[in-house]
C-alpha atoms as a PDB file:
ATOM      1  CA  MET A   1      65.596 153.593  55.937  1.00  0.00           C
ATOM      2  CA  PRO A   2      68.044 155.239  58.500  1.00  0.00           C
ATOM      3  CA  SER A   3      71.263 154.190  58.766  1.00  0.00           C
ATOM      4  CA  ARG A   4      72.415 152.672  61.999  1.00  0.00           C
ATOM      5  CA  TYR A   5      75.928 154.228  61.749  1.00  0.00           C
ATOM      6  CA  PRO A   6      75.958 157.961  62.082  1.00  0.00           C
ATOM      7  CA  GLY A   7      78.858 159.183  60.248  1.00  0.00           C
ATOM      8  CA  ALA A   8      80.981 157.842  58.010  1.00  0.00           C
ATOM      9  CA  ILE A   9      82.928 154.819  58.733  1.00  0.00           C
ATOM     10  CA  THR A  10      86.667 154.665  58.297  1.00  0.00           C
ATOM     11  CA  GLN A  11      88.991 152.584  58.809  1.00  0.00           C
ATOM     12  CA  ASP A  12      92.782 151.879  61.265  1.00  0.00           C
ATOM     13  CA  TRP A  13      95.296 151.967  59.641  1.00  0.00           C
ATOM     14  CA  GLU A  14      97.920 152.071  61.897  1.00  0.00           C
ATOM     15  CA  PRO A  15      99.956 149.278  62.264  1.00  0.00           C
ATOM     16  CA  VAL A  16      99.649 146.723  64.760  1.00  0.00           C
ATOM     17  CA  VAL A  17     102.126 144.434  66.331  1.00  0.00           C
ATOM     18  CA  VAL A  18     102.610 140.810  68.049  1.00  0.00           C
ATOM     19  CA  HIS A  19     105.417 139.730  70.345  1.00  0.00           C
ATOM     20  CA  LYS A  20     105.753 136.937  70.774  1.00  0.00           C
ATOM     21  CA  SER A  21     106.158 135.798  74.846  1.00  0.00           C
ATOM     22  CA  LYS A  22     109.695 134.845  76.789  1.00  0.00           C
ATOM     23  CA  PRO A  23     110.350 131.467  76.715  1.00  0.00           C
ATOM     24  CA  LYS A  24     110.428 129.933  79.464  1.00  0.00           C
ATOM     25  CA  ALA A  25     112.938 129.192  82.184  1.00  0.00           C
ATOM     26  CA  GLN A  26     112.934 125.228  81.078  1.00  0.00           C
ATOM     27  CA  ALA A  27     113.354 126.310  77.450  1.00  0.00           C
ATOM     28  CA  LEU A  28     116.092 128.331  78.036  1.00  0.00           C
ATOM     29  CA  ARG A  29     117.850 124.956  79.874  1.00  0.00           C
ATOM     30  CA  ASP A  30     117.696 122.602  77.227  1.00  0.00           C
ATOM     31  CA  PRO A  31     120.304 121.706  75.271  1.00  0.00           C
ATOM     32  CA  LYS A  32     119.426 121.998  71.603  1.00  0.00           C
ATOM     33  CA  ALA A  33     117.772 125.940  72.569  1.00  0.00           C
ATOM     34  CA  VAL A  34     121.462 126.030  74.519  1.00  0.00           C
ATOM     35  CA  ASN A  35     123.509 124.735  71.273  1.00  0.00           C
ATOM     36  CA  GLN A  36     121.570 127.099  69.078  1.00  0.00           C
ATOM     37  CA  ALA A  37     121.645 129.872  70.997  1.00  0.00           C
ATOM     38  CA  LEU A  38     125.916 128.769  70.705  1.00  0.00           C
ATOM     39  CA  ARG A  39     125.680 128.848  66.526  1.00  0.00           C
ATOM     40  CA  SER A  40     123.769 131.665  66.429  1.00  0.00           C
ATOM     41  CA  GLY A  41     126.783 133.670  68.347  1.00  0.00           C
ATOM     42  CA  ALA A  42     124.412 134.889  71.670  1.00  0.00           C
ATOM     43  CA  GLY A  43     125.981 134.867  74.576  1.00  0.00           C
ATOM     44  CA  VAL A  44     125.086 132.169  76.907  1.00  0.00           C
ATOM     45  CA  GLN A  45     125.279 132.142  80.835  1.00  0.00           C
ATOM     46  CA  THR A  46     126.485 129.434  82.814  1.00  0.00           C
ATOM     47  CA  VAL A  47     126.229 129.195  86.570  1.00  0.00           C
ATOM     48  CA  LYS A  48     128.617 126.735  88.805  1.00  0.00           C
ATOM     49  CA  LYS A  49     125.759 125.824  91.583  1.00  0.00           C
ATOM     50  CA  PHE A  50     128.035 124.677  94.973  1.00  0.00           C
ATOM     51  CA  ASP A  51     126.707 122.108  97.450  1.00  0.00           C
ATOM     52  CA  ALA A  52     124.072 121.176  93.769  1.00  0.00           C
ATOM     53  CA  GLY A  53     123.052 117.818  94.887  1.00  0.00           C
ATOM     54  CA  SER A  54     122.965 118.045  98.660  1.00  0.00           C
ATOM     55  CA  ASN A  55     120.884 118.187 101.536  1.00  0.00           C
ATOM     56  CA  LYS A  56     122.529 120.991 102.982  1.00  0.00           C
ATOM     57  CA  LYS A  57     122.400 124.958 103.926  1.00  0.00           C
ATOM     58  CA  SER A  58     125.667 126.585 104.135  1.00  0.00           C
ATOM     59  CA  SER A  59     125.617 130.020 106.738  1.00  0.00           C
ATOM     60  CA  ALA A  60     128.361 131.749 108.577  1.00  0.00           C
ATOM     61  CA  ALA A  61     125.191 132.169 110.878  1.00  0.00           C
ATOM     62  CA  ALA A  62     124.571 128.026 112.074  1.00  0.00           C
ATOM     63  CA  PRO A  63     126.197 125.343 111.386  1.00  0.00           C
ATOM     64  CA  ALA A  64     125.389 123.482 108.476  1.00  0.00           C
ATOM     65  CA  VAL A  65     122.791 120.834 109.430  1.00  0.00           C
ATOM     66  CA  ASP A  66     122.139 117.603 107.223  1.00  0.00           C
ATOM     67  CA  ALA A  67     118.688 116.524 107.050  1.00  0.00           C
ATOM     68  CA  LYS A  68     118.638 112.747 106.902  1.00  0.00           C
ATOM     69  CA  LYS A  69     120.301 112.897 110.732  1.00  0.00           C
ATOM     70  CA  LEU A  70     117.734 115.005 111.673  1.00  0.00           C
ATOM     71  CA  ASP A  71     115.201 112.765 110.931  1.00  0.00           C
ATOM     72  CA  GLU A  72     117.271 110.049 112.017  1.00  0.00           C
ATOM     73  CA  GLY A  73     117.319 111.169 114.998  1.00  0.00           C
ATOM     74  CA  THR A  74     113.625 111.682 116.001  1.00  0.00           C
ATOM     75  CA  GLU A  75     112.509 109.081 114.711  1.00  0.00           C
ATOM     76  CA  PRO A  76     112.256 105.099 116.373  1.00  0.00           C
ATOM     77  CA  ALA A  77     115.277 103.421 115.294  1.00  0.00           C
ATOM     78  CA  ALA A  78     113.135  99.887 114.440  1.00  0.00           C
ATOM     79  CA  MET A  79     110.087  99.167 114.223  1.00  0.00           C
ATOM     80  CA  GLY A  80     108.834  96.243 116.322  1.00  0.00           C
ATOM     81  CA  ARG A  81     108.831  92.518 115.168  1.00  0.00           C
ATOM     82  CA  VAL A  82     105.979  89.390 115.761  1.00  0.00           C
ATOM     83  CA  ALA A  83     107.697  87.708 119.021  1.00  0.00           C
ATOM     84  CA  PRO A  84     108.507  84.240 118.628  1.00  0.00           C
ATOM     85  CA  GLU A  85     106.287  83.463 121.503  1.00  0.00           C
ATOM     86  CA  LEU A  86     103.177  84.926 118.818  1.00  0.00           C
ATOM     87  CA  ARG A  87     105.036  83.418 115.423  1.00  0.00           C
ATOM     88  CA  GLN A  88     104.660  79.791 117.449  1.00  0.00           C
ATOM     89  CA  ALA A  89     101.502  80.300 118.600  1.00  0.00           C
ATOM     90  CA  ILE A  90      99.765  81.265 115.915  1.00  0.00           C
ATOM     91  CA  GLN A  91     101.432  78.406 113.237  1.00  0.00           C
ATOM     92  CA  LYS A  92     100.446  76.089 116.112  1.00  0.00           C
ATOM     93  CA  ALA A  93      97.382  77.374 116.340  1.00  0.00           C
ATOM     94  CA  ARG A  94      96.834  77.209 112.762  1.00  0.00           C
ATOM     95  CA  LEU A  95      97.984  73.937 112.264  1.00  0.00           C
ATOM     96  CA  GLU A  96      95.837  72.467 115.418  1.00  0.00           C
ATOM     97  CA  LYS A  97      93.020  73.743 112.674  1.00  0.00           C
ATOM     98  CA  LYS A  98      94.430  71.624 109.199  1.00  0.00           C
ATOM     99  CA  MET A  99      94.438  75.456 107.617  1.00  0.00           C
ATOM    100  CA  SER A 100      96.990  76.540 105.140  1.00  0.00           C
ATOM    101  CA  GLN A 101      98.097  80.130 105.300  1.00  0.00           C
ATOM    102  CA  ALA A 102      96.207  81.054 102.445  1.00  0.00           C
ATOM    103  CA  ASP A 103      92.941  79.767 104.221  1.00  0.00           C
ATOM    104  CA  LEU A 104      93.894  81.588 107.396  1.00  0.00           C
ATOM    105  CA  ALA A 105      93.948  84.914 105.357  1.00  0.00           C
ATOM    106  CA  LYS A 106      91.146  84.066 103.222  1.00  0.00           C
ATOM    107  CA  GLN A 107      88.938  84.071 106.832  1.00  0.00           C
ATOM    108  CA  ILE A 108      90.520  86.970 108.155  1.00  0.00           C
ATOM    109  CA  ASN A 109      90.645  88.753 104.828  1.00  0.00           C
ATOM    110  CA  GLU A 110      93.833  89.354 104.468  1.00  0.00           C
ATOM    111  CA  ARG A 111      96.467  88.585 101.446  1.00  0.00           C
ATOM    112  CA  PRO A 112      98.665  85.506 101.942  1.00  0.00           C
ATOM    113  CA  GLN A 113     101.776  87.446 102.198  1.00  0.00           C
ATOM    114  CA  VAL A 114     100.541  89.105 105.747  1.00  0.00           C
ATOM    115  CA  VAL A 115     100.012  85.446 107.361  1.00  0.00           C
ATOM    116  CA  GLN A 116     103.422  84.829 105.879  1.00  0.00           C
ATOM    117  CA  GLU A 117     104.911  87.273 107.542  1.00  0.00           C
ATOM    118  CA  TYR A 118     103.333  87.424 111.016  1.00  0.00           C
ATOM    119  CA  GLU A 119     104.964  83.162 110.931  1.00  0.00           C
ATOM    120  CA  ASN A 120     107.975  84.467 109.926  1.00  0.00           C
ATOM    121  CA  GLY A 121     108.460  87.101 112.596  1.00  0.00           C
ATOM    122  CA  LYS A 122     109.017  89.606 109.608  1.00  0.00           C
ATOM    123  CA  ALA A 123     105.838  91.763 109.421  1.00  0.00           C
ATOM    124  CA  VAL A 124     105.307  94.523 112.891  1.00  0.00           C
ATOM    125  CA  PRO A 125     102.038  93.544 114.745  1.00  0.00           C
ATOM    126  CA  ASN A 126      98.631  95.360 114.096  1.00  0.00           C
ATOM    127  CA  GLN A 127      96.029  94.889 116.642  1.00  0.00           C
ATOM    128  CA  ALA A 128      93.501  94.545 114.179  1.00  0.00           C
ATOM    129  CA  VAL A 129      95.227  91.632 112.694  1.00  0.00           C
ATOM    130  CA  LEU A 130      95.520  89.925 114.920  1.00  0.00           C
ATOM    131  CA  ALA A 131      92.464  90.064 116.546  1.00  0.00           C
ATOM    132  CA  LYS A 132      91.142  88.688 113.299  1.00  0.00           C
ATOM    133  CA  MET A 133      93.234  85.807 113.692  1.00  0.00           C
ATOM    134  CA  GLU A 134      92.272  85.314 117.348  1.00  0.00           C
ATOM    135  CA  LYS A 135      88.349  84.967 116.842  1.00  0.00           C
ATOM    136  CA  VAL A 136      89.897  82.584 113.887  1.00  0.00           C
ATOM    137  CA  LEU A 137      91.950  80.012 115.286  1.00  0.00           C
ATOM    138  CA  GLY A 138      90.231  80.537 118.685  1.00  0.00           C
ATOM    139  CA  VAL A 139      93.394  81.348 120.552  1.00  0.00           C
ATOM    140  CA  LYS A 140      94.568  84.279 122.551  1.00  0.00           C
ATOM    141  CA  LEU A 141      97.018  86.244 120.831  1.00  0.00           C
ATOM    142  CA  ARG A 142      96.966  89.478 122.227  1.00  0.00           C
ATOM    143  CA  GLY A 143      98.369  90.678 126.058  1.00  0.00           C
ATOM    144  CA  LYS A 144     100.605  87.898 127.579  1.00  0.00           C
ATOM    145  CA  ILE A 145     100.821  84.865 125.582  1.00  0.00           C
ATOM    146  CA  GLY A 146     100.745  81.286 127.244  1.00  0.00           C
ATOM    147  CA  LYS A 147      99.714  82.914 130.776  1.00  0.00           C
END
């Protein structure tokens, strides 16, 4: 029977060295790793980070700008809330239909908290919710009320 290998089989006796991968930066900052390095006498480098935790970038060319101040400057100061006339109109129409806030919320497919916020004046008016309330209550809530 013919042999598949054309020559003599030899073994490679060269040593194979397996290196451990370098530890990740996060692992090097771990307090356990730092303490172990200090105990073994290895060098530990500490760097003081100035302005750490602040939102400012310091540069000689540009003055320091606070990003929070920039955001506040471009955003509107306050969102519009439900007007007192609208609050009273919703409440009056609901009471005339002898409905509770929970009943109204169920019929417009919203949470009872939404109806409560509209009647307390804490909600930001949403035209879709007002349209649902108009349909269920049978009164005009959008546009000029009472005219």
